[in-house]
Amino acid sequence: MILGVPPSVLLGYEGPAAWIFDLVLLSLSGFEDRVGGVAEKVKRGRDRRLRPDQRRRLYIG
């Protein structure tokens, strides 16, 4: 998002085409890797904010 506005709005896309455009753009920019819940990071073993025992307890396998 640029200044809080999805790129599809800036380019004039509407409806499902806008959603697809935004999802593709976010996946290409790596934005989805920077945004996500703690559970997903724990599942991938990338959340180093938690102690090892907390990671094991929250692990979703």
N, C-alpha and C. Protein backbone atom coordinates (compact mmCIF):
# COMPACT_ATOMS: atom_id res chain seq x y z
N MET A 1 0.83 -1.18 0.00
CA MET A 1 0.00 0.00 0.00
C MET A 1 0.88 1.25 0.00
N ILE A 2 0.47 2.18 -0.75
CA ILE A 2 1.18 3.45 -0.82
C ILE A 2 0.30 4.49 -0.13
N LEU A 3 0.79 5.04 0.96
CA LEU A 3 0.04 6.03 1.72
C LEU A 3 -1.33 5.52 2.14
N GLY A 4 -1.44 4.21 2.40
CA GLY A 4 -2.69 3.63 2.86
C GLY A 4 -3.69 3.34 1.76
N VAL A 5 -3.29 3.50 0.50
CA VAL A 5 -4.19 3.24 -0.62
C VAL A 5 -3.66 2.04 -1.40
N PRO A 6 -4.49 1.01 -1.61
CA PRO A 6 -4.04 -0.14 -2.39
C PRO A 6 -3.64 0.28 -3.80
N PRO A 7 -2.61 -0.37 -4.36
CA PRO A 7 -2.16 -0.02 -5.71
C PRO A 7 -3.25 -0.15 -6.77
N SER A 8 -4.17 -1.10 -6.57
CA SER A 8 -5.23 -1.30 -7.56
C SER A 8 -6.13 -0.07 -7.67
N VAL A 9 -6.35 0.62 -6.56
CA VAL A 9 -7.18 1.83 -6.58
C VAL A 9 -6.48 2.93 -7.38
N LEU A 10 -5.18 3.04 -7.19
CA LEU A 10 -4.43 4.06 -7.93
C LEU A 10 -4.45 3.82 -9.43
N LEU A 11 -4.51 2.53 -9.82
CA LEU A 11 -4.51 2.19 -11.24
C LEU A 11 -5.91 2.03 -11.82
N GLY A 12 -6.93 2.14 -10.99
CA GLY A 12 -8.30 2.11 -11.48
C GLY A 12 -8.94 0.74 -11.57
N TYR A 13 -8.32 -0.29 -10.98
CA TYR A 13 -8.94 -1.61 -10.98
C TYR A 13 -10.08 -1.64 -9.98
N GLU A 14 -11.11 -2.45 -10.28
CA GLU A 14 -12.25 -2.60 -9.38
C GLU A 14 -12.64 -4.07 -9.30
N GLY A 15 -13.28 -4.44 -8.20
CA GLY A 15 -13.81 -5.79 -8.04
C GLY A 15 -12.74 -6.85 -7.90
N PRO A 16 -13.03 -8.08 -8.38
CA PRO A 16 -12.09 -9.19 -8.25
C PRO A 16 -10.74 -8.92 -8.91
N ALA A 17 -10.75 -8.18 -10.00
CA ALA A 17 -9.48 -7.85 -10.66
C ALA A 17 -8.56 -7.07 -9.72
N ALA A 18 -9.14 -6.20 -8.91
CA ALA A 18 -8.35 -5.42 -7.96
C ALA A 18 -7.75 -6.32 -6.89
N TRP A 19 -8.54 -7.27 -6.39
CA TRP A 19 -8.03 -8.17 -5.36
C TRP A 19 -6.87 -9.00 -5.90
N ILE A 20 -7.05 -9.54 -7.10
CA ILE A 20 -6.01 -10.37 -7.70
C ILE A 20 -4.75 -9.55 -7.94
N PHE A 21 -4.92 -8.35 -8.47
CA PHE A 21 -3.77 -7.48 -8.73
C PHE A 21 -3.02 -7.20 -7.43
N ASP A 22 -3.75 -6.85 -6.36
CA ASP A 22 -3.10 -6.55 -5.08
C ASP A 22 -2.38 -7.77 -4.51
N LEU A 23 -3.01 -8.94 -4.58
CA LEU A 23 -2.38 -10.15 -4.06
C LEU A 23 -1.11 -10.50 -4.81
N VAL A 24 -1.15 -10.39 -6.13
CA VAL A 24 0.03 -10.69 -6.94
C VAL A 24 1.14 -9.69 -6.64
N LEU A 25 0.78 -8.44 -6.55
CA LEU A 25 1.78 -7.40 -6.28
C LEU A 25 2.40 -7.61 -4.90
N LEU A 26 1.58 -7.94 -3.90
CA LEU A 26 2.11 -8.16 -2.56
C LEU A 26 3.01 -9.39 -2.52
N SER A 27 2.65 -10.44 -3.23
CA SER A 27 3.48 -11.64 -3.21
C SER A 27 4.80 -11.40 -3.94
N LEU A 28 4.79 -10.61 -5.00
CA LEU A 28 6.04 -10.32 -5.71
C LEU A 28 6.95 -9.40 -4.90
N SER A 29 6.37 -8.53 -4.10
CA SER A 29 7.19 -7.60 -3.32
C SER A 29 7.70 -8.22 -2.03
N GLY A 30 7.23 -9.42 -1.68
CA GLY A 30 7.65 -10.05 -0.44
C GLY A 30 6.95 -9.50 0.78
N PHE A 31 5.92 -8.70 0.57
CA PHE A 31 5.20 -8.07 1.68
C PHE A 31 4.54 -9.11 2.57
N GLU A 32 4.06 -10.20 1.98
CA GLU A 32 3.36 -11.21 2.76
C GLU A 32 4.30 -11.91 3.75
N ASP A 33 5.61 -11.91 3.46
CA ASP A 33 6.57 -12.50 4.39
C ASP A 33 6.81 -11.61 5.59
N ARG A 34 6.61 -10.31 5.42
CA ARG A 34 6.82 -9.37 6.53
C ARG A 34 5.59 -9.23 7.40
N VAL A 35 4.44 -9.61 6.87
CA VAL A 35 3.19 -9.47 7.61
C VAL A 35 2.62 -10.85 7.87
N GLY A 36 2.22 -11.11 9.08
CA GLY A 36 1.63 -12.40 9.39
C GLY A 36 1.50 -12.57 10.89
N GLY A 37 0.76 -13.57 11.27
CA GLY A 37 0.55 -13.81 12.68
C GLY A 37 1.72 -14.52 13.32
N VAL A 38 1.73 -14.49 14.63
CA VAL A 38 2.79 -15.16 15.37
C VAL A 38 2.75 -16.66 15.12
N ALA A 39 1.55 -17.23 15.02
CA ALA A 39 1.43 -18.68 14.82
C ALA A 39 2.11 -19.11 13.53
N GLU A 40 1.97 -18.34 12.48
CA GLU A 40 2.60 -18.70 11.21
C GLU A 40 4.12 -18.62 11.33
N LYS A 41 4.63 -17.62 12.02
CA LYS A 41 6.08 -17.50 12.20
C LYS A 41 6.61 -18.64 13.07
N VAL A 42 5.84 -19.00 14.11
CA VAL A 42 6.25 -20.10 14.96
C VAL A 42 6.25 -21.40 14.16
N LYS A 43 5.23 -21.57 13.33
CA LYS A 43 5.12 -22.78 12.52
C LYS A 43 6.33 -22.92 11.61
N ARG A 44 6.80 -21.81 11.08
CA ARG A 44 7.96 -21.84 10.20
C ARG A 44 9.28 -21.76 10.96
N GLY A 45 9.19 -21.61 12.29
CA GLY A 45 10.39 -21.57 13.10
C GLY A 45 11.16 -20.27 12.98
N ARG A 46 10.50 -19.19 12.58
CA ARG A 46 11.21 -17.94 12.34
C ARG A 46 10.98 -16.90 13.42
N ASP A 47 10.17 -17.22 14.41
CA ASP A 47 9.88 -16.21 15.43
C ASP A 47 10.88 -16.36 16.56
N ARG A 48 11.86 -15.49 16.60
CA ARG A 48 12.90 -15.57 17.62
C ARG A 48 12.58 -14.71 18.84
N ARG A 49 11.38 -14.11 18.86
CA ARG A 49 10.99 -13.32 20.02
C ARG A 49 10.57 -14.22 21.17
N LEU A 50 10.25 -15.46 20.85
CA LEU A 50 9.78 -16.39 21.87
C LEU A 50 10.91 -17.30 22.33
N ARG A 51 10.82 -17.74 23.58
CA ARG A 51 11.78 -18.72 24.08
C ARG A 51 11.48 -20.07 23.42
N PRO A 52 12.47 -20.97 23.37
CA PRO A 52 12.24 -22.28 22.73
C PRO A 52 11.04 -23.04 23.29
N ASP A 53 10.83 -23.00 24.62
CA ASP A 53 9.69 -23.73 25.18
C ASP A 53 8.36 -23.11 24.76
N GLN A 54 8.33 -21.78 24.59
CA GLN A 54 7.11 -21.13 24.11
C GLN A 54 6.85 -21.50 22.65
N ARG A 55 7.90 -21.59 21.84
CA ARG A 55 7.73 -21.97 20.43
C ARG A 55 7.17 -23.39 20.34
N ARG A 56 7.70 -24.29 21.17
CA ARG A 56 7.20 -25.68 21.15
C ARG A 56 5.73 -25.74 21.56
N ARG A 57 5.37 -24.96 22.57
CA ARG A 57 3.99 -24.98 23.06
C ARG A 57 3.02 -24.43 22.02
N LEU A 58 3.44 -23.41 21.28
CA LEU A 58 2.56 -22.79 20.30
C LEU A 58 2.63 -23.44 18.92
N TYR A 59 3.55 -24.40 18.77
CA TYR A 59 3.74 -24.99 17.44
C TYR A 59 2.46 -25.61 16.92
N ILE A 60 2.16 -25.30 15.68
CA ILE A 60 0.98 -25.85 15.02
C ILE A 60 1.49 -26.73 13.89
N GLY A 61 1.43 -28.02 14.05
CA GLY A 61 2.04 -28.90 13.07
C GLY A 61 1.11 -29.68 12.34
